[in-house]
Protein backbone atom coordinates (compact mmCIF):
# COMPACT_ATOMS: atom_id res chain seq x y z
CA MET A 1 0.04 0.19 -0.11
CA SER A 2 1.28 3.49 -1.02
CA ASP A 3 1.58 6.49 1.61
CA ARG A 4 1.91 8.95 -1.21
CA THR A 5 -1.28 11.02 -2.68
CA PRO A 6 -1.80 9.53 -6.53
CA ILE A 7 -1.21 12.16 -8.98
CA LEU A 8 -3.86 12.48 -11.46
CA ASP A 9 -3.74 11.07 -14.72
CA ASP A 10 -5.48 12.83 -18.01
CA ARG A 11 -6.02 10.63 -21.00
CA CYS A 12 -6.33 12.32 -24.51
CA ARG A 13 -9.44 10.32 -25.74
CA GLU A 14 -8.65 10.81 -29.39
CA TYR A 15 -4.85 9.99 -29.17
CA GLY A 16 -4.54 8.05 -25.69
CA ALA A 17 -1.76 10.18 -24.78
CA VAL A 18 -1.38 10.26 -20.78
CA PHE A 19 -0.85 13.91 -19.05
CA ASN A 20 -0.90 14.80 -15.33
CA VAL A 21 1.31 17.75 -13.55
CA SER A 22 4.38 16.87 -14.07
CA THR A 23 3.97 16.36 -17.92
CA GLY A 24 6.97 18.11 -19.81
CA THR A 25 8.80 19.50 -16.65
CA ILE A 26 12.16 17.69 -15.41
CA TRP A 27 9.95 16.10 -12.57
CA ALA A 28 8.48 13.85 -15.69
CA GLY A 29 8.90 10.23 -15.11
CA THR A 30 10.32 10.65 -11.08
CA HIS A 31 8.62 8.95 -8.33
CA ASP A 32 9.33 11.36 -6.00
CA SER A 33 6.34 12.63 -3.83
CA CYS A 34 5.05 16.42 -4.32
CA ALA A 35 6.14 17.19 -0.39
CA LYS A 36 9.54 15.90 -1.64
CA ILE A 37 9.74 18.03 -4.49
CA ILE A 38 8.58 21.08 -2.42
CA LEU A 39 11.18 20.78 -0.55
CA ILE A 40 13.90 20.44 -2.89
CA LEU A 41 12.91 23.86 -4.85
CA ARG A 42 12.52 25.36 -1.30
CA GLY A 43 16.33 24.51 -0.66
CA LEU A 44 17.32 25.97 -4.04
CA THR A 45 15.89 28.94 -3.57
CA GLN A 46 17.37 29.36 -0.20
CA GLY A 47 20.79 28.28 -1.40
CA ILE A 48 20.94 25.31 0.81
CA PRO A 49 23.53 23.32 -0.44
CA THR A 50 22.88 20.03 -2.21
CA VAL A 51 24.67 18.02 0.50
CA GLN A 52 22.35 19.33 3.35
CA LEU A 53 19.38 19.01 1.48
CA ALA A 54 20.41 14.89 0.83
CA ASP A 55 20.63 14.98 4.64
CA GLU A 56 16.92 15.97 5.58
């Protein structure tokens, strides 16, 4: 059982392509949770070293 909230997908009825909130971004295909992505972005904008982000 997963403890993550699912990311909702939208499927094109004509072509069958699947789209979601990460489609076309650097996060496409990642298995990181939305909370983890937000923490990474917050750390980068605050100038926190990546070593410290990895420890968290």
